[in-house]
Amino acid sequence: MTRNRKEALGAFVYILPSLLLITIFAILPIVMNIFYSFHDYNIIQPPSWSGLSNYKRLINDPYIVASIKNTVIFTFITVPLQTLFALVLAALLVRRFHDKFTNFIKGALFIPVIASAVLVGTLWSIILSSHGVVNQAIELIGLEPINWLGRQSTSLLSICIATIWKNVGYFLVIFYAGILEIPTSLYEAASVDGASKWQQFIHITIPGLSSVTYLVVTLGTIWSFQIFDMVYTMTGGGPGLSTVTLVLTIYNTAFKEYSMGYASAIALLMFVFVILLSQLQRLIMRKDG
């Protein structure tokens, strides 16, 4: 065996474990999902070929239309706001506060991240209840209490607020690390030239975080399309179809209706949505960069 072949064989042995894990836990489930999406399958009986019937059902299903609409609205509300809050808080922590106080603030903001989504959803359900803190504050200023989770006009917004509160700490840490990587000489030179803090933030910090912002927006978008725990805990998809999302519809279809084939078709639809959005974000970020 030649030296080149030995090196190639050695490299293949090194990547083999990772290759097997990716194949078993990423590629194989996608292939099986595509396979089941063309079949009628209820777990108990063997899958039977159904052609495009599951995809035809997608077109006229009111649950799918509502879940796509809610998931897109949820994504367009949460991703920009949690990205903006995390960026501003990270910039303030780097420039305004130092030492133990900074660590305390970072720790306090990171606590919701390590809490489970079920716990956060339950906590916000209590906060937004008829006798919760929010309605008590509203009553103090003379307004009528609001049924935040029981009204179609406010239920999805309530879940957005709870989700932003949970996610901001995670993205703050990413932005904080990104700001520390920007050379301080740029800020010193800008100060010498008379640039204000705001001008430094706009012309140095934001351009310097372009790759970090792309990561944050991409992760936020994927997480938003995966939203399930918070919705299941706070509203269960109601009232009506006002908070039903794609993943909740997949769960209900697969594990309540036992229609695995149709659930696979919905999952594939969501997969395509995420891929398209990720590519769109990439194009926008490349254009802006």
Protein backbone atom coordinates (compact mmCIF):
# COMPACT_ATOMS: atom_id res chain seq x y z
CA MET A 1 0.00 0.00 0.00
CA THR A 2 1.40 3.38 -1.03
CA ARG A 3 1.93 6.23 1.44
CA ASN A 4 -0.91 8.31 -0.05
CA ARG A 5 -3.38 5.43 0.32
CA LYS A 6 -2.30 4.87 3.93
CA GLU A 7 -2.87 8.56 4.71
CA ALA A 8 -6.28 8.49 2.99
CA LEU A 9 -7.26 5.35 4.91
CA GLY A 10 -6.11 6.91 8.19
CA ALA A 11 -8.13 10.07 7.50
CA PHE A 12 -11.20 7.98 6.68
CA VAL A 13 -10.87 6.06 9.97
CA TYR A 14 -10.77 9.37 11.87
CA ILE A 15 -13.94 10.74 10.25
CA LEU A 16 -15.81 7.40 10.27
CA PRO A 17 -17.42 7.83 13.76
CA SER A 18 -18.71 11.32 12.92
CA LEU A 19 -19.86 10.11 9.51
CA LEU A 20 -21.82 7.27 11.09
CA LEU A 21 -23.46 9.57 13.66
CA ILE A 22 -24.46 12.11 10.98
CA THR A 23 -25.86 9.33 8.80
CA ILE A 24 -27.85 7.69 11.62
CA PHE A 25 -29.19 10.82 13.34
CA ALA A 26 -29.47 13.35 10.45
CA ILE A 27 -29.50 11.82 6.96
CA LEU A 28 -31.43 8.61 7.70
CA PRO A 29 -34.35 10.38 9.50
CA ILE A 30 -34.71 12.78 6.55
CA VAL A 31 -34.78 9.88 4.08
CA MET A 32 -37.31 7.97 6.22
CA ASN A 33 -39.44 11.12 6.59
CA ILE A 34 -39.57 11.51 2.78
CA PHE A 35 -40.45 7.80 2.46
CA TYR A 36 -43.33 7.96 4.97
CA SER A 37 -44.69 11.21 3.49
CA PHE A 38 -45.75 9.18 0.42
CA HIS A 39 -47.48 6.51 2.53
CA ASP A 40 -50.46 6.04 4.83
CA TYR A 41 -49.01 4.86 8.13
CA ASN A 42 -50.58 4.60 11.59
CA ILE A 43 -47.70 2.86 13.45
CA ILE A 44 -49.70 -0.37 14.00
CA GLN A 45 -50.22 -1.40 10.37
CA PRO A 46 -47.47 -1.49 7.74
CA PRO A 47 -47.18 1.66 5.59
CA SER A 48 -49.16 1.59 2.34
CA TRP A 49 -48.28 3.67 -0.73
CA SER A 50 -50.56 6.70 -1.14
CA GLY A 51 -48.68 8.74 -3.74
CA LEU A 52 -49.21 12.51 -3.46
CA SER A 53 -52.41 12.28 -1.38
CA ASN A 54 -50.71 13.63 1.77
CA TYR A 55 -49.38 16.63 -0.14
CA LYS A 56 -52.78 17.27 -1.80
CA ARG A 57 -54.32 17.29 1.68
CA LEU A 58 -51.83 19.98 2.74
CA ILE A 59 -53.24 22.48 0.25
CA ASN A 60 -56.79 22.62 1.66
CA ASP A 61 -56.10 21.89 5.33
CA PRO A 62 -57.14 24.93 7.45
CA TYR A 63 -54.82 23.79 10.26
CA ILE A 64 -51.83 23.95 7.92
CA VAL A 65 -52.75 27.41 6.63
CA ALA A 66 -53.20 28.69 10.20
CA SER A 67 -50.03 27.00 11.47
CA ILE A 68 -47.91 28.43 8.62
CA LYS A 69 -49.36 31.89 9.16
CA ASN A 70 -48.81 31.78 12.95
CA THR A 71 -45.29 30.35 12.64
CA VAL A 72 -44.26 33.03 10.13
CA ILE A 73 -45.78 35.85 12.26
CA PHE A 74 -44.12 34.40 15.37
CA THR A 75 -40.76 34.28 13.55
CA PHE A 76 -41.03 37.84 12.20
CA ILE A 77 -41.83 39.18 15.68
CA THR A 78 -39.41 37.22 17.86
CA VAL A 79 -36.26 37.03 15.70
CA PRO A 80 -35.76 40.80 15.07
CA LEU A 81 -36.72 41.80 18.63
CA GLN A 82 -34.61 39.22 20.47
CA THR A 83 -31.66 40.00 18.16
CA LEU A 84 -32.01 43.76 18.77
CA PHE A 85 -32.42 43.42 22.56
CA ALA A 86 -29.46 41.02 22.81
CA LEU A 87 -27.24 43.30 20.72
CA VAL A 88 -28.09 46.46 22.68
CA LEU A 89 -27.73 44.76 26.07
CA ALA A 90 -24.39 43.22 25.06
CA ALA A 91 -23.08 46.61 23.89
CA LEU A 92 -24.20 48.23 27.15
CA LEU A 93 -22.60 45.51 29.28
CA VAL A 94 -19.29 45.79 27.42
CA ARG A 95 -19.11 49.58 27.47
CA ARG A 96 -21.01 50.67 30.57
CA PHE A 97 -20.55 48.08 33.28
CA HIS A 98 -17.55 46.17 34.51
CA ASP A 99 -16.35 43.34 36.74
CA LYS A 100 -18.72 41.64 39.20
CA PHE A 101 -21.76 43.73 38.29
CA THR A 102 -21.39 42.74 34.62
CA ASN A 103 -21.13 39.06 35.57
CA PHE A 104 -24.20 39.39 37.80
CA ILE A 105 -26.27 40.98 34.98
CA LYS A 106 -25.11 38.35 32.49
CA GLY A 107 -25.96 35.57 34.94
CA ALA A 108 -29.39 37.05 35.69
CA LEU A 109 -30.20 37.39 32.00
CA PHE A 110 -28.96 33.86 31.28
CA ILE A 111 -31.16 32.16 33.91
CA PRO A 112 -34.23 31.94 31.59
CA VAL A 113 -32.06 30.21 28.98
CA ILE A 114 -31.22 27.27 31.23
CA ALA A 115 -34.81 26.99 32.49
CA SER A 116 -36.99 24.53 30.59
CA ALA A 117 -39.51 25.91 28.11
CA VAL A 118 -42.29 24.21 30.09
CA LEU A 119 -41.25 26.06 33.25
CA VAL A 120 -41.00 29.40 31.41
CA GLY A 121 -44.39 28.82 29.76
CA THR A 122 -46.01 27.99 33.11
CA LEU A 123 -44.41 31.04 34.73
CA TRP A 124 -45.67 33.40 32.02
CA SER A 125 -49.12 31.79 32.14
CA ILE A 126 -49.27 32.81 35.81
CA ILE A 127 -47.88 36.31 35.11
CA LEU A 128 -50.45 36.89 32.34
CA SER A 129 -53.41 35.31 34.15
CA SER A 130 -56.46 37.37 35.18
CA HIS A 131 -54.94 37.93 38.66
CA GLY A 132 -51.34 38.04 37.46
CA VAL A 133 -48.80 40.82 37.86
CA VAL A 134 -49.47 42.34 34.43
CA ASN A 135 -53.23 42.67 34.94
CA GLN A 136 -52.74 44.03 38.46
CA ALA A 137 -50.48 46.75 37.02
CA ILE A 138 -53.09 47.51 34.34
CA GLU A 139 -55.82 47.83 36.97
CA LEU A 140 -53.67 50.21 39.01
CA ILE A 141 -53.72 52.73 36.13
CA GLY A 142 -57.51 52.39 35.78
CA LEU A 143 -57.76 50.04 32.78
CA GLU A 144 -59.73 46.81 32.41
CA PRO A 145 -57.72 43.58 32.82
CA ILE A 146 -56.94 41.69 29.61
CA ASN A 147 -57.39 37.97 29.02
CA TRP A 148 -53.97 37.72 27.38
CA LEU A 149 -53.99 33.99 26.60
CA GLY A 150 -57.74 33.67 26.04
CA ARG A 151 -58.11 36.27 23.27
CA GLN A 152 -57.13 35.54 19.68
CA SER A 153 -55.71 39.06 19.27
CA THR A 154 -53.22 38.77 22.17
CA SER A 155 -52.50 35.03 22.62
CA LEU A 156 -49.74 34.76 19.99
CA LEU A 157 -48.19 38.05 21.11
CA SER A 158 -48.04 36.73 24.69
CA ILE A 159 -46.12 33.66 23.55
CA CYS A 160 -43.76 35.91 21.57
CA ILE A 161 -43.00 37.97 24.70
CA ALA A 162 -42.29 34.86 26.78
CA THR A 163 -40.05 33.42 24.05
CA ILE A 164 -38.05 36.64 23.66
CA TRP A 165 -37.56 36.79 27.44
CA LYS A 166 -36.21 33.24 27.41
CA ASN A 167 -33.89 33.58 24.37
CA VAL A 168 -32.33 37.03 24.86
CA GLY A 169 -29.75 35.85 27.41
CA TYR A 170 -28.35 33.20 25.07
CA PHE A 171 -27.88 35.58 22.13
CA LEU A 172 -26.54 38.28 24.48
CA VAL A 173 -23.61 36.04 25.40
CA ILE A 174 -22.85 35.43 21.71
CA PHE A 175 -22.94 39.16 20.93
CA TYR A 176 -20.88 39.94 24.04
CA ALA A 177 -18.13 37.56 22.92
CA GLY A 178 -18.30 39.01 19.39
CA ILE A 179 -17.89 42.60 20.62
CA LEU A 180 -14.84 41.62 22.66
CA GLU A 181 -13.23 40.31 19.45
CA ILE A 182 -13.45 43.76 17.79
CA PRO A 183 -10.05 45.50 18.14
CA THR A 184 -10.19 48.27 20.78
CA SER A 185 -7.82 50.30 18.60
CA LEU A 186 -10.77 50.99 16.26
CA TYR A 187 -12.76 52.56 19.13
CA GLU A 188 -9.69 54.52 20.32
CA ALA A 189 -9.08 55.89 16.83
CA ALA A 190 -12.76 56.82 16.48
CA SER A 191 -12.67 58.63 19.86
CA VAL A 192 -9.62 60.61 18.76
CA ASP A 193 -11.52 61.62 15.61
CA GLY A 194 -14.41 62.83 17.78
CA ALA A 195 -16.91 60.04 17.08
CA SER A 196 -19.65 59.67 19.70
CA LYS A 197 -20.54 56.36 21.39
CA TRP A 198 -23.60 56.07 19.17
CA GLN A 199 -21.53 56.64 16.00
CA GLN A 200 -19.00 54.04 17.19
CA PHE A 201 -21.86 51.59 17.76
CA ILE A 202 -23.30 52.19 14.27
CA HIS A 203 -20.06 52.31 12.27
CA ILE A 204 -17.78 49.92 14.21
CA THR A 205 -19.79 47.55 16.42
CA ILE A 206 -22.59 46.60 14.03
CA PRO A 207 -20.33 46.03 10.94
CA GLY A 208 -17.87 44.12 13.14
CA LEU A 209 -20.65 41.75 14.23
CA SER A 210 -22.00 40.89 10.77
CA SER A 211 -21.00 37.21 10.94
CA VAL A 212 -22.23 36.95 14.56
CA THR A 213 -25.54 38.58 13.61
CA TYR A 214 -25.97 36.08 10.77
CA LEU A 215 -25.45 33.22 13.25
CA VAL A 216 -27.91 34.73 15.75
CA VAL A 217 -30.60 35.38 13.12
CA THR A 218 -30.21 31.91 11.61
CA LEU A 219 -30.41 30.18 15.00
CA GLY A 220 -33.36 32.36 16.02
CA THR A 221 -35.23 31.52 12.82
CA ILE A 222 -34.67 27.78 13.21
CA TRP A 223 -35.75 27.92 16.87
CA SER A 224 -38.84 29.92 15.93
CA PHE A 225 -39.91 27.31 13.40
CA GLN A 226 -39.38 24.64 16.09
CA ILE A 227 -41.57 26.42 18.69
CA PHE A 228 -43.67 23.83 20.49
CA ASP A 229 -43.14 23.60 24.27
CA MET A 230 -44.12 27.18 24.98
CA VAL A 231 -47.27 26.99 22.83
CA TYR A 232 -48.27 23.60 24.25
CA THR A 233 -47.84 24.86 27.82
CA MET A 234 -49.40 28.32 27.50
CA THR A 235 -52.32 27.87 25.07
CA GLY A 236 -52.30 24.37 23.56
CA GLY A 237 -52.78 26.02 20.14
CA GLY A 238 -55.91 27.99 21.09
CA PRO A 239 -58.07 29.94 21.36
CA GLY A 240 -59.38 28.64 18.04
CA LEU A 241 -56.37 28.26 15.76
CA SER A 242 -54.74 31.52 16.85
CA THR A 243 -51.54 29.96 18.24
CA VAL A 244 -51.30 26.64 16.45
CA THR A 245 -47.84 26.23 14.88
CA LEU A 246 -46.24 23.82 12.43
CA VAL A 247 -44.55 21.64 15.06
CA LEU A 248 -47.70 21.55 17.20
CA THR A 249 -49.66 20.43 14.12
CA ILE A 250 -47.06 17.74 13.42
CA TYR A 251 -47.37 16.54 17.03
CA ASN A 252 -51.17 16.49 16.98
CA THR A 253 -51.26 14.74 13.59
CA ALA A 254 -48.67 12.12 14.51
CA PHE A 255 -49.49 11.32 18.13
CA LYS A 256 -53.19 12.17 18.47
CA GLU A 257 -54.49 11.23 15.01
CA TYR A 258 -51.77 8.58 14.43
CA SER A 259 -51.42 9.78 10.84
CA MET A 260 -47.64 9.43 10.52
CA GLY A 261 -47.60 9.78 6.74
CA TYR A 262 -49.38 13.12 6.78
CA ALA A 263 -47.26 14.32 9.72
CA SER A 264 -44.15 13.44 7.69
CA ALA A 265 -45.43 15.54 4.78
CA ILE A 266 -45.94 18.52 7.13
CA ALA A 267 -42.45 18.00 8.59
CA LEU A 268 -40.96 18.00 5.09
CA LEU A 269 -42.83 21.22 4.32
CA MET A 270 -41.36 22.82 7.44
CA PHE A 271 -37.88 21.57 6.49
CA VAL A 272 -38.19 23.25 3.08
CA PHE A 273 -39.37 26.49 4.74
CA VAL A 274 -36.35 26.58 7.05
CA ILE A 275 -33.91 25.88 4.20
CA LEU A 276 -35.43 28.62 2.03
CA LEU A 277 -35.42 31.16 4.87
CA SER A 278 -31.81 30.33 5.78
CA GLN A 279 -30.74 30.84 2.17
CA LEU A 280 -32.68 34.10 1.98
CA GLN A 281 -30.99 35.37 5.15
CA ARG A 282 -27.61 34.34 3.74
CA LEU A 283 -28.24 36.31 0.54
CA ILE A 284 -29.40 39.38 2.49
CA MET A 285 -26.42 39.26 4.87
CA ARG A 286 -23.98 38.79 1.96
CA LYS A 287 -25.55 41.73 0.14
CA ASP A 288 -25.39 43.93 3.24
CA GLY A 289 -21.85 42.76 4.01
